[in-house]
C-alpha atoms as a PDB file:
ATOM      1  CA  UNK A   1     -50.983  87.471 -75.168  1.00  0.00           C
ATOM      2  CA  UNK A   2     -51.880  91.658 -76.278  1.00  0.00           C
ATOM      3  CA  UNK A   3     -49.815  93.294 -78.657  1.00  0.00           C
ATOM      4  CA  UNK A   4     -49.331  96.884 -76.385  1.00  0.00           C
ATOM      5  CA  UNK A   5     -47.287  98.165 -78.503  1.00  0.00           C
ATOM      6  CA  UNK A   6     -49.248  98.347 -81.405  1.00  0.00           C
ATOM      7  CA  UNK A   7     -52.152  99.590 -79.415  1.00  0.00           C
ATOM      8  CA  UNK A   8     -50.069 102.042 -78.336  1.00  0.00           C
ATOM      9  CA  UNK A   9     -48.882 103.020 -81.911  1.00  0.00           C
ATOM     10  CA  UNK A  10     -52.443 102.851 -83.283  1.00  0.00           C
ATOM     11  CA  UNK A  11     -53.965 104.962 -80.237  1.00  0.00           C
ATOM     12  CA  UNK A  12     -50.708 107.269 -81.104  1.00  0.00           C
ATOM     13  CA  UNK A  13     -51.530 107.219 -84.721  1.00  0.00           C
ATOM     14  CA  UNK A  14     -54.852 109.180 -84.460  1.00  0.00           C
ATOM     15  CA  UNK A  15     -56.354 106.887 -86.088  1.00  0.00           C
ATOM     16  CA  UNK A  16     -59.408 104.108 -85.524  1.00  0.00           C
ATOM     17  CA  UNK A  17     -59.160 100.890 -85.543  1.00  0.00           C
ATOM     18  CA  UNK A  18     -61.991 100.340 -88.811  1.00  0.00           C
ATOM     19  CA  UNK A  19     -60.416 103.049 -90.247  1.00  0.00           C
ATOM     20  CA  UNK A  20     -56.974 101.284 -90.352  1.00  0.00           C
ATOM     21  CA  UNK A  21     -58.619  97.858 -91.208  1.00  0.00           C
ATOM     22  CA  UNK A  22     -59.943 100.282 -94.049  1.00  0.00           C
ATOM     23  CA  UNK A  23     -56.509 100.842 -96.086  1.00  0.00           C
ATOM     24  CA  UNK A  24     -55.097  97.940 -95.969  1.00  0.00           C
ATOM     25  CA  UNK A  25     -58.133  95.854 -96.367  1.00  0.00           C
ATOM     26  CA  UNK A  26     -58.317  93.665 -93.630  1.00  0.00           C
ATOM     27  CA  UNK A  27     -61.628  91.698 -92.420  1.00  0.00           C
ATOM     28  CA  UNK A  28     -63.710  94.196 -89.204  1.00  0.00           C
ATOM     29  CA  UNK A  29     -62.483  92.750 -86.435  1.00  0.00           C
ATOM     30  CA  UNK A  30     -58.893  91.455 -87.713  1.00  0.00           C
ATOM     31  CA  UNK A  31     -56.774  93.749 -85.563  1.00  0.00           C
ATOM     32  CA  UNK A  32     -58.634  94.218 -82.361  1.00  0.00           C
ATOM     33  CA  UNK A  33     -57.879  90.267 -82.882  1.00  0.00           C
ATOM     34  CA  UNK A  34     -53.906  90.463 -83.872  1.00  0.00           C
ATOM     35  CA  UNK A  35     -54.058  92.734 -80.793  1.00  0.00           C
ATOM     36  CA  UNK A  36     -55.796  90.488 -78.712  1.00  0.00           C
ATOM     37  CA  UNK A  37     -52.680  87.432 -79.790  1.00  0.00           C
ATOM     38  CA  UNK A  38     -56.329  85.794 -81.177  1.00  0.00           C
ATOM     39  CA  UNK A  39     -54.594  84.957 -84.682  1.00  0.00           C
ATOM     40  CA  UNK A  40     -50.995  85.650 -85.577  1.00  0.00           C
ATOM     41  CA  UNK A  41     -50.191  87.961 -88.246  1.00  0.00           C
ATOM     42  CA  UNK A  42     -48.494  87.766 -91.826  1.00  0.00           C
ATOM     43  CA  UNK A  43     -45.125  88.963 -92.754  1.00  0.00           C
ATOM     44  CA  UNK A  44     -46.779  90.633 -95.314  1.00  0.00           C
ATOM     45  CA  UNK A  45     -49.797  92.384 -92.129  1.00  0.00           C
ATOM     46  CA  UNK A  46     -46.893  93.134 -90.769  1.00  0.00           C
ATOM     47  CA  UNK A  47     -44.840  95.149 -93.151  1.00  0.00           C
ATOM     48  CA  UNK A  48     -48.223  96.923 -94.084  1.00  0.00           C
ATOM     49  CA  UNK A  49     -49.537  97.831 -89.834  1.00  0.00           C
ATOM     50  CA  UNK A  50     -45.819  99.438 -90.044  1.00  0.00           C
ATOM     51  CA  UNK A  51     -46.064 101.712 -93.231  1.00  0.00           C
ATOM     52  CA  UNK A  52     -48.770 102.662 -91.764  1.00  0.00           C
ATOM     53  CA  UNK A  53     -48.035 103.556 -88.739  1.00  0.00           C
ATOM     54  CA  UNK A  54     -44.469 105.169 -89.471  1.00  0.00           C
ATOM     55  CA  UNK A  55     -43.061 103.050 -87.072  1.00  0.00           C
ATOM     56  CA  UNK A  56     -40.649  99.742 -86.919  1.00  0.00           C
ATOM     57  CA  UNK A  57     -41.814  96.194 -87.099  1.00  0.00           C
ATOM     58  CA  UNK A  58     -39.146  95.423 -84.161  1.00  0.00           C
ATOM     59  CA  UNK A  59     -41.227  98.352 -82.389  1.00  0.00           C
ATOM     60  CA  UNK A  60     -44.460  97.344 -83.021  1.00  0.00           C
ATOM     61  CA  UNK A  61     -43.392  93.480 -83.512  1.00  0.00           C
ATOM     62  CA  UNK A  62     -40.640  93.090 -80.319  1.00  0.00           C
ATOM     63  CA  UNK A  63     -42.501  89.084 -79.084  1.00  0.00           C
ATOM     64  CA  UNK A  64     -41.929  87.678 -82.151  1.00  0.00           C
ATOM     65  CA  UNK A  65     -38.807  89.088 -82.763  1.00  0.00           C
ATOM     66  CA  UNK A  66     -37.051  88.053 -79.996  1.00  0.00           C
ATOM     67  CA  UNK A  67     -38.417  84.514 -80.198  1.00  0.00           C
ATOM     68  CA  UNK A  68     -36.912  84.535 -84.015  1.00  0.00           C
ATOM     69  CA  UNK A  69     -33.651  85.413 -82.836  1.00  0.00           C
ATOM     70  CA  UNK A  70     -33.774  83.283 -79.582  1.00  0.00           C
ATOM     71  CA  UNK A  71     -33.586  86.047 -77.583  1.00  0.00           C
ATOM     72  CA  UNK A  72     -30.494  87.885 -78.290  1.00  0.00           C
ATOM     73  CA  UNK A  73     -30.215  91.851 -78.662  1.00  0.00           C
ATOM     74  CA  UNK A  74     -30.285  93.144 -82.309  1.00  0.00           C
END
């Protein structure tokens, strides 16, 4: 499943995907695979992306938060 909030945050940040990957020591293409849902980000990846994009983790990964809380509104 595509992670639209992450993709939008990257676009709004004004940074290129490869710049973010380099800053976070991601391998080339990892960010694309995270966005497209091919791979699941680790907690470390989520925190690093939230920091570099200056967004809360819950805003970048809302579906995963919903799964963790069984759909409860928090």
